[in-house]
Amino acid sequence: MARPKGSKNRLTTAFHNKAKRALMRAANAACDDKNPDWMDALKIIAPFISRPRPHSEPIFLEIPENASAEQTADLLIREVCKGNIDPDSGSQLLSALYSASKFVELESLVEELREEIHLCQQYRNKKDDKETKRH
């Protein structure tokens, strides 16, 4: 079974954890001044292991109350094109919007399936009633 989109691979997570432990050992060694080469290694490795994620500014959009997912996506794309939303944030918002729309679509399909099951059960019950009346 494929893992969900956006989830972390266990091997990658294990590698990152091991690399962070190695970085901590290098930091401790650099602080002890036992080996000055550790400080140089630490300066090279640190930015790649523990990059802070940039903090983006809040995004305020006026989305009409009954806007469809398609209309909202159009609005987001227009705002990115105007420069009001940076492309990375726009991409993340569109991805979230897509996921939410798929969830709504799935809920609707589940509801339709429940209705079909209910109708089948009603039909089966009527059929069983007719058979019992015959005998």
Protein backbone atom coordinates (compact mmCIF):
# COMPACT_ATOMS: atom_id res chain seq x y z
CA MET A 1 0.00 0.00 0.00
CA ALA A 2 1.37 3.40 -0.93
CA ARG A 3 1.93 5.89 1.82
CA PRO A 4 -0.18 9.08 1.85
CA LYS A 5 1.08 12.04 -0.14
CA GLY A 6 3.14 14.35 2.05
CA SER A 7 3.89 11.73 4.69
CA LYS A 8 7.51 11.12 5.55
CA ASN A 9 9.34 8.03 4.46
CA ARG A 10 10.49 6.02 7.50
CA LEU A 11 13.96 5.57 6.05
CA THR A 12 14.30 9.31 5.43
CA THR A 13 13.07 10.08 8.95
CA ALA A 14 15.54 7.58 10.43
CA PHE A 15 18.35 9.14 8.37
CA HIS A 16 17.44 12.65 9.55
CA ASN A 17 17.32 11.50 13.18
CA LYS A 18 20.71 9.83 12.86
CA ALA A 19 22.16 12.91 11.14
CA LYS A 20 20.82 15.15 13.92
CA ARG A 21 22.46 12.92 16.54
CA ALA A 22 25.72 13.11 14.60
CA LEU A 23 25.35 16.88 14.46
CA MET A 24 24.88 17.03 18.23
CA ARG A 25 28.02 14.93 18.73
CA ALA A 26 29.89 17.28 16.39
CA ALA A 27 28.55 20.30 18.28
CA ASN A 28 29.65 18.81 21.61
CA ALA A 29 33.09 18.01 20.20
CA ALA A 30 33.40 21.53 18.77
CA CYS A 31 32.47 23.03 22.14
CA ASP A 32 35.11 20.93 23.90
CA ASP A 33 37.84 22.36 21.64
CA LYS A 34 39.46 18.92 21.56
CA ASN A 35 39.54 18.93 17.78
CA PRO A 36 39.32 22.27 15.91
CA ASP A 37 38.38 20.45 12.68
CA TRP A 38 34.97 19.60 14.20
CA MET A 39 34.08 23.30 14.24
CA ASP A 40 34.72 23.54 10.49
CA ALA A 41 32.67 20.39 9.88
CA LEU A 42 29.88 21.74 12.05
CA LYS A 43 29.77 25.01 10.08
CA ILE A 44 29.39 23.05 6.85
CA ILE A 45 26.85 20.47 8.05
CA ALA A 46 24.56 22.53 10.31
CA PRO A 47 22.69 24.54 7.65
CA PHE A 48 21.73 21.37 5.76
CA ILE A 49 20.49 19.44 8.78
CA SER A 50 18.53 22.00 10.74
CA ARG A 51 17.14 24.51 8.29
CA PRO A 52 14.41 26.60 9.88
CA ARG A 53 11.31 26.85 7.75
CA PRO A 54 10.58 30.42 6.70
CA HIS A 55 7.59 31.91 8.45
CA SER A 56 5.09 33.33 6.00
CA GLU A 57 2.78 36.20 6.68
CA PRO A 58 -0.93 35.47 7.23
CA ILE A 59 -3.03 35.56 4.08
CA PHE A 60 -6.36 37.34 4.13
CA LEU A 61 -8.77 36.63 1.29
CA GLU A 62 -12.40 37.47 0.89
CA ILE A 63 -13.94 34.30 -0.51
CA PRO A 64 -17.66 34.44 -1.28
CA GLU A 65 -19.66 32.26 1.11
CA ASN A 66 -21.09 29.92 -1.55
CA ALA A 67 -17.99 29.85 -3.77
CA SER A 68 -17.20 26.50 -5.35
CA ALA A 69 -13.77 24.93 -5.12
CA GLU A 70 -13.17 25.93 -8.75
CA GLN A 71 -14.08 29.57 -8.06
CA THR A 72 -11.87 29.64 -4.98
CA ALA A 73 -8.97 28.14 -6.96
CA ASP A 74 -9.44 30.84 -9.64
CA LEU A 75 -9.37 33.51 -6.93
CA LEU A 76 -6.16 32.08 -5.44
CA ILE A 77 -4.47 31.89 -8.84
CA ARG A 78 -5.45 35.50 -9.62
CA GLU A 79 -4.02 36.65 -6.26
CA VAL A 80 -0.75 34.81 -6.95
CA CYS A 81 -0.56 36.39 -10.42
CA LYS A 82 -1.15 39.85 -8.94
CA GLY A 83 1.67 39.24 -6.44
CA ASN A 84 -0.61 39.41 -3.38
CA ILE A 85 0.29 35.81 -2.45
CA ASP A 86 3.72 34.30 -2.94
CA PRO A 87 3.77 31.26 -5.28
CA ASP A 88 4.79 28.77 -2.56
CA SER A 89 1.93 29.79 -0.28
CA GLY A 90 -0.45 29.80 -3.25
CA SER A 91 0.65 26.29 -4.14
CA GLN A 92 0.11 25.10 -0.57
CA LEU A 93 -3.33 26.70 -0.44
CA LEU A 94 -4.33 25.16 -3.77
CA SER A 95 -3.12 21.77 -2.56
CA ALA A 96 -5.16 22.13 0.64
CA LEU A 97 -8.19 23.27 -1.38
CA TYR A 98 -7.82 20.25 -3.69
CA SER A 99 -7.63 17.88 -0.72
CA ALA A 100 -10.68 19.48 0.88
CA SER A 101 -12.66 19.26 -2.37
CA LYS A 102 -11.75 15.57 -2.73
CA PHE A 103 -12.92 14.99 0.84
CA VAL A 104 -16.25 16.68 0.10
CA GLU A 105 -16.55 14.62 -3.08
CA LEU A 106 -15.85 11.46 -1.11
CA GLU A 107 -18.48 12.37 1.50
CA SER A 108 -21.02 12.87 -1.28
CA LEU A 109 -20.17 9.49 -2.82
CA VAL A 110 -20.48 7.79 0.57
CA GLU A 111 -23.90 9.41 1.05
CA GLU A 112 -25.03 8.22 -2.39
CA LEU A 113 -23.80 4.72 -1.57
CA ARG A 114 -25.74 4.75 1.71
CA GLU A 115 -28.90 5.76 -0.17
CA GLU A 116 -28.37 2.95 -2.70
CA ILE A 117 -27.85 0.42 0.11
CA HIS A 118 -31.01 1.68 1.82
CA LEU A 119 -33.02 1.33 -1.42
CA CYS A 120 -31.64 -2.19 -1.97
CA GLN A 121 -32.61 -3.17 1.57
CA GLN A 122 -36.11 -1.80 1.06
CA TYR A 123 -36.45 -3.73 -2.20
CA ARG A 124 -35.19 -6.91 -0.55
CA ASN A 125 -37.61 -6.48 2.37
CA LYS A 126 -40.57 -5.98 -0.01
CA LYS A 127 -39.51 -9.03 -2.00
CA ASP A 128 -39.24 -11.11 1.21
CA ASP A 129 -42.67 -9.89 2.33
CA LYS A 130 -44.26 -10.97 -0.97
CA GLU A 131 -42.63 -14.39 -0.69
CA THR A 132 -43.87 -14.89 2.86
CA LYS A 133 -47.42 -13.92 1.87
CA ARG A 134 -47.39 -16.51 -0.93
CA HIS A 135 -46.50 -19.36 1.40
